[in-house]
Amino acid sequence: MLRNGLEPWHLLVVAIVVILLFGSKKLPEAARGLGKSMRILKSEAKAMKEESNAAEPTTVYPAAESVTATPTTEPPATAH
């Protein structure tokens, strides 16, 4: 049934319907508004990403040679 999905004539019909509904004068204004919104969204996402990277503390792990293991002795388990 939907083997080919969208074909070029489908997109042409959708474009004609959009032009008839909104008019040719409103479409450039809508495209400009959409472009501005996308730029604002992109810049805000970038700012949030930079903010989260700057807020993460850096963890310093000690070198393997300086860590010493202390053996622990536990009493053997007794069976009752």
N, C-alpha and C. Protein backbone atom coordinates (compact mmCIF):
# COMPACT_ATOMS: atom_id res chain seq x y z
N MET A 1 0.81 -1.18 0.00
CA MET A 1 0.00 0.00 0.00
C MET A 1 0.87 1.26 0.00
N LEU A 2 1.76 1.43 0.98
CA LEU A 2 2.63 2.59 1.05
C LEU A 2 4.06 2.21 0.69
N ARG A 3 4.22 1.61 -0.46
CA ARG A 3 5.55 1.14 -0.85
C ARG A 3 6.49 2.29 -1.15
N ASN A 4 6.04 3.30 -1.86
CA ASN A 4 6.92 4.37 -2.30
C ASN A 4 6.93 5.57 -1.37
N GLY A 5 6.05 5.65 -0.43
CA GLY A 5 5.99 6.80 0.47
C GLY A 5 5.61 8.05 -0.28
N LEU A 6 6.35 9.12 -0.05
CA LEU A 6 6.07 10.40 -0.72
C LEU A 6 6.73 10.44 -2.09
N GLU A 7 5.95 10.76 -3.06
CA GLU A 7 6.46 10.94 -4.41
C GLU A 7 6.48 12.44 -4.71
N PRO A 8 7.21 12.86 -5.74
CA PRO A 8 7.31 14.29 -6.04
C PRO A 8 5.95 14.98 -6.25
N TRP A 9 5.00 14.30 -6.84
CA TRP A 9 3.71 14.95 -7.06
C TRP A 9 2.96 15.17 -5.75
N HIS A 10 3.22 14.33 -4.73
CA HIS A 10 2.61 14.55 -3.41
C HIS A 10 3.10 15.88 -2.83
N LEU A 11 4.40 16.11 -2.93
CA LEU A 11 4.97 17.35 -2.41
C LEU A 11 4.45 18.56 -3.17
N LEU A 12 4.24 18.42 -4.46
CA LEU A 12 3.70 19.51 -5.27
C LEU A 12 2.28 19.85 -4.82
N VAL A 13 1.47 18.85 -4.57
CA VAL A 13 0.10 19.08 -4.11
C VAL A 13 0.11 19.77 -2.74
N VAL A 14 0.98 19.33 -1.84
CA VAL A 14 1.07 19.95 -0.52
C VAL A 14 1.50 21.40 -0.65
N ALA A 15 2.47 21.69 -1.52
CA ALA A 15 2.94 23.06 -1.71
C ALA A 15 1.82 23.94 -2.26
N ILE A 16 1.05 23.45 -3.18
CA ILE A 16 -0.06 24.23 -3.74
C ILE A 16 -1.11 24.52 -2.68
N VAL A 17 -1.43 23.52 -1.86
CA VAL A 17 -2.42 23.71 -0.80
C VAL A 17 -1.93 24.74 0.21
N VAL A 18 -0.66 24.70 0.58
CA VAL A 18 -0.10 25.65 1.54
C VAL A 18 -0.15 27.06 0.97
N ILE A 19 0.20 27.22 -0.29
CA ILE A 19 0.17 28.54 -0.93
C ILE A 19 -1.26 29.07 -0.98
N LEU A 20 -2.22 28.21 -1.29
CA LEU A 20 -3.61 28.65 -1.35
C LEU A 20 -4.15 29.02 0.04
N LEU A 21 -3.75 28.28 1.06
CA LEU A 21 -4.25 28.55 2.41
C LEU A 21 -3.65 29.83 2.99
N PHE A 22 -2.35 29.99 2.90
CA PHE A 22 -1.68 31.09 3.57
C PHE A 22 -1.41 32.29 2.67
N GLY A 23 -1.44 32.12 1.39
CA GLY A 23 -1.16 33.21 0.48
C GLY A 23 0.32 33.40 0.27
N SER A 24 0.68 33.95 -0.86
CA SER A 24 2.10 34.08 -1.19
C SER A 24 2.78 35.19 -0.40
N LYS A 25 2.04 36.13 0.17
CA LYS A 25 2.65 37.21 0.96
C LYS A 25 3.01 36.76 2.37
N LYS A 26 2.27 35.84 2.92
CA LYS A 26 2.52 35.39 4.29
C LYS A 26 3.64 34.37 4.39
N LEU A 27 3.91 33.63 3.32
CA LEU A 27 4.91 32.57 3.37
C LEU A 27 6.32 33.08 3.65
N PRO A 28 6.81 34.15 3.02
CA PRO A 28 8.16 34.64 3.36
C PRO A 28 8.27 35.11 4.80
N GLU A 29 7.23 35.74 5.31
CA GLU A 29 7.23 36.17 6.70
C GLU A 29 7.29 34.97 7.64
N ALA A 30 6.54 33.95 7.33
CA ALA A 30 6.55 32.74 8.16
C ALA A 30 7.91 32.05 8.11
N ALA A 31 8.52 32.03 6.93
CA ALA A 31 9.85 31.41 6.80
C ALA A 31 10.89 32.19 7.59
N ARG A 32 10.82 33.53 7.56
CA ARG A 32 11.76 34.35 8.34
C ARG A 32 11.57 34.10 9.83
N GLY A 33 10.34 34.04 10.27
CA GLY A 33 10.05 33.78 11.68
C GLY A 33 10.55 32.41 12.11
N LEU A 34 10.37 31.43 11.26
CA LEU A 34 10.85 30.08 11.56
C LEU A 34 12.37 30.06 11.63
N GLY A 35 13.03 30.77 10.72
CA GLY A 35 14.49 30.84 10.73
C GLY A 35 15.02 31.49 11.99
N LYS A 36 14.39 32.59 12.41
CA LYS A 36 14.80 33.27 13.65
C LYS A 36 14.62 32.35 14.85
N SER A 37 13.51 31.66 14.88
CA SER A 37 13.25 30.73 15.99
C SER A 37 14.29 29.62 16.05
N MET A 38 14.64 29.09 14.89
CA MET A 38 15.64 28.02 14.85
C MET A 38 17.01 28.52 15.31
N ARG A 39 17.39 29.75 14.92
CA ARG A 39 18.67 30.32 15.36
C ARG A 39 18.68 30.53 16.86
N ILE A 40 17.58 31.01 17.43
CA ILE A 40 17.49 31.22 18.87
C ILE A 40 17.59 29.89 19.59
N LEU A 41 16.87 28.90 19.12
CA LEU A 41 16.91 27.57 19.73
C LEU A 41 18.31 26.99 19.69
N LYS A 42 18.99 27.13 18.56
CA LYS A 42 20.34 26.60 18.41
C LYS A 42 21.31 27.29 19.36
N SER A 43 21.22 28.63 19.47
CA SER A 43 22.14 29.36 20.35
C SER A 43 21.87 29.04 21.81
N GLU A 44 20.61 28.88 22.19
CA GLU A 44 20.28 28.53 23.57
C GLU A 44 20.76 27.12 23.92
N ALA A 45 20.61 26.19 23.00
CA ALA A 45 21.09 24.82 23.24
C ALA A 45 22.61 24.81 23.39
N LYS A 46 23.29 25.60 22.57
CA LYS A 46 24.75 25.68 22.66
C LYS A 46 25.18 26.29 23.98
N ALA A 47 24.47 27.34 24.43
CA ALA A 47 24.79 27.98 25.70
C ALA A 47 24.56 27.03 26.87
N MET A 48 23.49 26.26 26.81
CA MET A 48 23.22 25.30 27.89
C MET A 48 24.28 24.21 27.93
N LYS A 49 24.73 23.77 26.75
CA LYS A 49 25.76 22.74 26.69
C LYS A 49 27.07 23.26 27.26
N GLU A 50 27.45 24.50 26.89
CA GLU A 50 28.68 25.09 27.42
C GLU A 50 28.59 25.30 28.92
N GLU A 51 27.41 25.70 29.40
CA GLU A 51 27.20 25.93 30.83
C GLU A 51 27.34 24.63 31.62
N SER A 52 26.78 23.54 31.08
CA SER A 52 26.86 22.26 31.79
C SER A 52 28.29 21.72 31.77
N ASN A 53 29.03 21.97 30.69
CA ASN A 53 30.43 21.53 30.65
C ASN A 53 31.29 22.32 31.62
N ALA A 54 31.01 23.60 31.80
CA ALA A 54 31.78 24.44 32.70
C ALA A 54 31.44 24.13 34.15
N ALA A 55 30.24 23.67 34.43
CA ALA A 55 29.81 23.41 35.80
C ALA A 55 30.31 22.07 36.34
N GLU A 56 30.73 21.17 35.47
CA GLU A 56 31.19 19.86 35.93
C GLU A 56 32.55 19.99 36.61
N PRO A 57 32.66 19.52 37.85
CA PRO A 57 33.97 19.58 38.52
C PRO A 57 34.90 18.52 37.94
N THR A 58 36.15 18.83 37.92
CA THR A 58 37.13 17.87 37.44
C THR A 58 37.60 17.03 38.61
N THR A 59 37.57 15.74 38.46
CA THR A 59 37.97 14.83 39.52
C THR A 59 39.40 14.40 39.27
N VAL A 60 40.22 14.53 40.32
CA VAL A 60 41.62 14.12 40.21
C VAL A 60 41.75 12.82 40.99
N TYR A 61 42.19 11.79 40.28
CA TYR A 61 42.37 10.50 40.90
C TYR A 61 43.83 10.34 41.31
N PRO A 62 44.09 9.72 42.48
CA PRO A 62 45.49 9.53 42.90
C PRO A 62 46.19 8.52 42.01
N ALA A 63 47.49 8.64 41.92
CA ALA A 63 48.27 7.71 41.11
C ALA A 63 48.21 6.32 41.74
N ALA A 64 48.38 5.28 40.94
CA ALA A 64 48.26 3.90 41.41
C ALA A 64 49.34 3.56 42.43
N GLU A 65 50.54 4.17 42.31
CA GLU A 65 51.61 3.85 43.24
C GLU A 65 51.33 4.36 44.65
N SER A 66 50.60 5.45 44.78
CA SER A 66 50.40 6.04 46.10
C SER A 66 49.28 5.35 46.87
N VAL A 67 48.50 4.52 46.24
CA VAL A 67 47.43 3.82 46.92
C VAL A 67 47.98 2.53 47.49
N THR A 68 47.84 2.35 48.79
CA THR A 68 48.31 1.12 49.42
C THR A 68 47.13 0.37 49.97
N ALA A 69 47.17 -0.91 49.82
CA ALA A 69 46.09 -1.74 50.33
C ALA A 69 46.48 -2.25 51.71
N THR A 70 45.57 -2.13 52.64
CA THR A 70 45.83 -2.66 53.98
C THR A 70 45.03 -3.94 54.13
N PRO A 71 45.75 -5.02 54.47
CA PRO A 71 45.02 -6.29 54.60
C PRO A 71 44.15 -6.26 55.86
N THR A 72 43.01 -6.83 55.73
CA THR A 72 42.12 -6.92 56.89
C THR A 72 42.01 -8.37 57.28
N THR A 73 41.95 -8.58 58.55
CA THR A 73 41.78 -9.96 59.04
C THR A 73 40.43 -10.06 59.69
N GLU A 74 39.69 -10.99 59.23
CA GLU A 74 38.37 -11.22 59.77
C GLU A 74 38.38 -12.59 60.43
N PRO A 75 37.67 -12.71 61.52
CA PRO A 75 37.63 -14.03 62.17
C PRO A 75 36.91 -15.02 61.26
N PRO A 76 37.35 -16.25 61.26
CA PRO A 76 36.70 -17.23 60.40
C PRO A 76 35.26 -17.46 60.83
N ALA A 77 34.42 -17.74 59.87
CA ALA A 77 33.01 -17.98 60.16
C ALA A 77 32.88 -19.33 60.83
N THR A 78 32.08 -19.37 61.85
CA THR A 78 31.88 -20.61 62.58
C THR A 78 30.51 -21.18 62.24
N ALA A 79 30.47 -22.46 62.07
CA ALA A 79 29.20 -23.13 61.77
C ALA A 79 28.57 -23.58 63.07
N HIS A 80 27.32 -23.40 63.22
CA HIS A 80 26.62 -23.82 64.43
C HIS A 80 25.85 -25.05 64.21
